[in-house]
Amino acid sequence: MSLHAFVTGTGWRNEDGSSRSRIIRRHCQMGTEVEFRKVPPRPPESHGVAVVVKVPRLMGLLPAADKTIGFVEAKVAARLLARLDAGETVRARVRSLHAPIEKDEPRVGLALDE
């Protein structure tokens, strides 16, 4: 069975100042693998689960950096938290993407095989 989710908070900036929408436009496409990470529920919209993508550094010479592109919506976060608490690595793939340059909050859909 496949679980579908949308990424929220894509228009925000990360703690390091990087633009999530720019990361999405440059490093996400159909089929890109993302990982879910447990985070403190601050801001409350995070629901405790961040969506992270690997971003290559120095043209692949350095290990890839993990960059947050947003958070998982509440109904999916509730299902994932138990798995993340158990130490499981949970991944998904981008199944839909709408990120025109003039849009501040790209729309990213994910598919997760359970």
C-alpha atoms as a PDB file:
ATOM      1  CA  MET A   1       0.000   0.000   0.000  1.00  0.00           C
ATOM      2  CA  SER A   2       1.276   3.449  -0.859  1.00  0.00           C
ATOM      3  CA  LEU A   3       0.853   6.470   1.414  1.00  0.00           C
ATOM      4  CA  HIS A   4       0.646   9.905  -0.210  1.00  0.00           C
ATOM      5  CA  ALA A   5       1.498  13.205   1.467  1.00  0.00           C
ATOM      6  CA  PHE A   6       2.145  16.838   0.664  1.00  0.00           C
ATOM      7  CA  VAL A   7       5.055  18.860   2.028  1.00  0.00           C
ATOM      8  CA  THR A   8       4.127  21.972   4.033  1.00  0.00           C
ATOM      9  CA  GLY A   9       6.307  24.967   4.901  1.00  0.00           C
ATOM     10  CA  THR A  10       8.121  24.972   1.546  1.00  0.00           C
ATOM     11  CA  GLY A  11       8.217  28.767   1.394  1.00  0.00           C
ATOM     12  CA  TRP A  12      10.143  29.182   4.649  1.00  0.00           C
ATOM     13  CA  ARG A  13      13.878  29.494   5.184  1.00  0.00           C
ATOM     14  CA  ASN A  14      15.988  26.925   7.014  1.00  0.00           C
ATOM     15  CA  GLU A  15      17.930  27.764  10.166  1.00  0.00           C
ATOM     16  CA  ASP A  16      21.089  28.224   8.073  1.00  0.00           C
ATOM     17  CA  GLY A  17      19.284  30.822   5.930  1.00  0.00           C
ATOM     18  CA  SER A  18      18.911  28.622   2.852  1.00  0.00           C
ATOM     19  CA  SER A  19      15.720  28.958   0.830  1.00  0.00           C
ATOM     20  CA  ARG A  20      13.599  25.814   0.825  1.00  0.00           C
ATOM     21  CA  SER A  21      11.896  26.798  -2.425  1.00  0.00           C
ATOM     22  CA  ARG A  22      15.298  27.215  -4.103  1.00  0.00           C
ATOM     23  CA  ILE A  23      16.473  23.824  -2.815  1.00  0.00           C
ATOM     24  CA  ILE A  24      13.289  22.252  -4.192  1.00  0.00           C
ATOM     25  CA  ARG A  25      13.717  23.885  -7.613  1.00  0.00           C
ATOM     26  CA  ARG A  26      17.377  22.858  -7.881  1.00  0.00           C
ATOM     27  CA  HIS A  27      17.415  19.408  -6.298  1.00  0.00           C
ATOM     28  CA  CYS A  28      13.937  17.877  -6.512  1.00  0.00           C
ATOM     29  CA  GLN A  29      12.308  16.241  -9.488  1.00  0.00           C
ATOM     30  CA  MET A  30       9.928  13.367 -10.068  1.00  0.00           C
ATOM     31  CA  GLY A  31      11.385  10.306  -8.338  1.00  0.00           C
ATOM     32  CA  THR A  32      13.847  12.150  -6.089  1.00  0.00           C
ATOM     33  CA  GLU A  33      14.290  10.274  -2.821  1.00  0.00           C
ATOM     34  CA  VAL A  34      13.574  12.147   0.415  1.00  0.00           C
ATOM     35  CA  GLU A  35      13.925  11.087   4.031  1.00  0.00           C
ATOM     36  CA  PHE A  36      11.741  11.832   7.031  1.00  0.00           C
ATOM     37  CA  ARG A  37      13.392  13.055  10.239  1.00  0.00           C
ATOM     38  CA  LYS A  38      11.915  13.563  13.666  1.00  0.00           C
ATOM     39  CA  VAL A  39      12.240  17.194  14.800  1.00  0.00           C
ATOM     40  CA  PRO A  40      10.907  19.155  17.763  1.00  0.00           C
ATOM     41  CA  PRO A  41       7.391  20.391  16.918  1.00  0.00           C
ATOM     42  CA  ARG A  42       8.549  23.999  16.560  1.00  0.00           C
ATOM     43  CA  PRO A  43       7.008  25.669  14.703  1.00  0.00           C
ATOM     44  CA  PRO A  44       3.735  23.889  15.507  1.00  0.00           C
ATOM     45  CA  GLU A  45       3.117  23.459  11.769  1.00  0.00           C
ATOM     46  CA  SER A  46       5.994  20.966  11.628  1.00  0.00           C
ATOM     47  CA  HIS A  47       3.981  18.239  13.441  1.00  0.00           C
ATOM     48  CA  GLY A  48       7.339  16.753  14.459  1.00  0.00           C
ATOM     49  CA  VAL A  49       8.441  15.332  11.070  1.00  0.00           C
ATOM     50  CA  ALA A  50      10.733  17.144   8.615  1.00  0.00           C
ATOM     51  CA  VAL A  51      11.266  16.208   4.955  1.00  0.00           C
ATOM     52  CA  VAL A  52      14.961  16.142   4.026  1.00  0.00           C
ATOM     53  CA  VAL A  53      16.691  15.876   0.644  1.00  0.00           C
ATOM     54  CA  LYS A  54      20.376  15.158  -0.032  1.00  0.00           C
ATOM     55  CA  VAL A  55      22.135  18.097  -1.721  1.00  0.00           C
ATOM     56  CA  PRO A  56      25.515  17.484  -3.398  1.00  0.00           C
ATOM     57  CA  ARG A  57      28.397  19.692  -2.260  1.00  0.00           C
ATOM     58  CA  LEU A  58      31.404  20.869  -4.246  1.00  0.00           C
ATOM     59  CA  MET A  59      30.290  19.057  -7.412  1.00  0.00           C
ATOM     60  CA  GLY A  60      30.125  15.727  -5.567  1.00  0.00           C
ATOM     61  CA  LEU A  61      33.624  15.877  -4.102  1.00  0.00           C
ATOM     62  CA  LEU A  62      32.302  16.313  -0.555  1.00  0.00           C
ATOM     63  CA  PRO A  63      29.576  14.214   1.061  1.00  0.00           C
ATOM     64  CA  ALA A  64      26.042  15.402   0.344  1.00  0.00           C
ATOM     65  CA  ALA A  65      24.389  17.732   2.845  1.00  0.00           C
ATOM     66  CA  ASP A  66      20.941  17.061   4.258  1.00  0.00           C
ATOM     67  CA  LYS A  67      18.617  20.017   3.628  1.00  0.00           C
ATOM     68  CA  THR A  68      15.081  20.408   4.942  1.00  0.00           C
ATOM     69  CA  ILE A  69      12.504  21.215   2.247  1.00  0.00           C
ATOM     70  CA  GLY A  70       9.509  21.338   4.602  1.00  0.00           C
ATOM     71  CA  PHE A  71       7.379  19.230   6.898  1.00  0.00           C
ATOM     72  CA  VAL A  72       4.901  16.423   6.528  1.00  0.00           C
ATOM     73  CA  GLU A  73       1.208  17.166   7.048  1.00  0.00           C
ATOM     74  CA  ALA A  74      -0.313  16.170  10.417  1.00  0.00           C
ATOM     75  CA  LYS A  75      -2.184  12.988   9.402  1.00  0.00           C
ATOM     76  CA  VAL A  76       0.952  11.472   7.859  1.00  0.00           C
ATOM     77  CA  ALA A  77       3.232  12.694  10.667  1.00  0.00           C
ATOM     78  CA  ALA A  78       1.139  10.802  13.211  1.00  0.00           C
ATOM     79  CA  ARG A  79       1.680   7.571  11.253  1.00  0.00           C
ATOM     80  CA  LEU A  80       5.411   8.133  10.795  1.00  0.00           C
ATOM     81  CA  LEU A  81       6.361   9.159  14.340  1.00  0.00           C
ATOM     82  CA  ALA A  82       6.080   5.624  15.737  1.00  0.00           C
ATOM     83  CA  ARG A  83       8.398   4.304  13.037  1.00  0.00           C
ATOM     84  CA  LEU A  84      10.881   7.129  13.565  1.00  0.00           C
ATOM     85  CA  ASP A  85      10.773   6.648  17.357  1.00  0.00           C
ATOM     86  CA  ALA A  86      11.690   2.987  16.788  1.00  0.00           C
ATOM     87  CA  GLY A  87      14.842   4.115  14.969  1.00  0.00           C
ATOM     88  CA  GLU A  88      13.620   3.162  11.511  1.00  0.00           C
ATOM     89  CA  THR A  89      14.833   5.163   8.505  1.00  0.00           C
ATOM     90  CA  VAL A  90      11.760   6.170   6.514  1.00  0.00           C
ATOM     91  CA  ARG A  91      12.085   7.327   2.908  1.00  0.00           C
ATOM     92  CA  ALA A  92       9.722   8.385   0.133  1.00  0.00           C
ATOM     93  CA  ARG A  93       9.901   9.626  -3.436  1.00  0.00           C
ATOM     94  CA  VAL A  94       8.655  12.836  -5.025  1.00  0.00           C
ATOM     95  CA  ARG A  95       5.519  11.936  -7.003  1.00  0.00           C
ATOM     96  CA  SER A  96       4.369  15.433  -7.990  1.00  0.00           C
ATOM     97  CA  LEU A  97       6.060  18.799  -8.166  1.00  0.00           C
ATOM     98  CA  HIS A  98       4.822  22.272  -9.029  1.00  0.00           C
ATOM     99  CA  ALA A  99       7.569  24.859  -8.496  1.00  0.00           C
ATOM    100  CA  PRO A 100       7.414  27.752 -10.969  1.00  0.00           C
ATOM    101  CA  ILE A 101       9.890  30.532 -10.257  1.00  0.00           C
ATOM    102  CA  GLU A 102       7.133  33.058  -9.513  1.00  0.00           C
ATOM    103  CA  LYS A 103       5.567  30.829  -6.823  1.00  0.00           C
ATOM    104  CA  ASP A 104       6.933  31.343  -3.288  1.00  0.00           C
ATOM    105  CA  GLU A 105       5.668  28.010  -1.941  1.00  0.00           C
ATOM    106  CA  PRO A 106       6.340  25.084  -4.280  1.00  0.00           C
ATOM    107  CA  ARG A 107       3.880  22.190  -4.072  1.00  0.00           C
ATOM    108  CA  VAL A 108       5.597  18.846  -3.478  1.00  0.00           C
ATOM    109  CA  GLY A 109       3.722  15.542  -3.311  1.00  0.00           C
ATOM    110  CA  LEU A 110       5.332  12.399  -1.895  1.00  0.00           C
ATOM    111  CA  ALA A 111       4.684   8.667  -2.234  1.00  0.00           C
ATOM    112  CA  LEU A 112       5.748   6.320   0.564  1.00  0.00           C
ATOM    113  CA  ASP A 113       5.513   2.548   0.322  1.00  0.00           C
ATOM    114  CA  GLU A 114       4.382   1.089   3.633  1.00  0.00           C
END
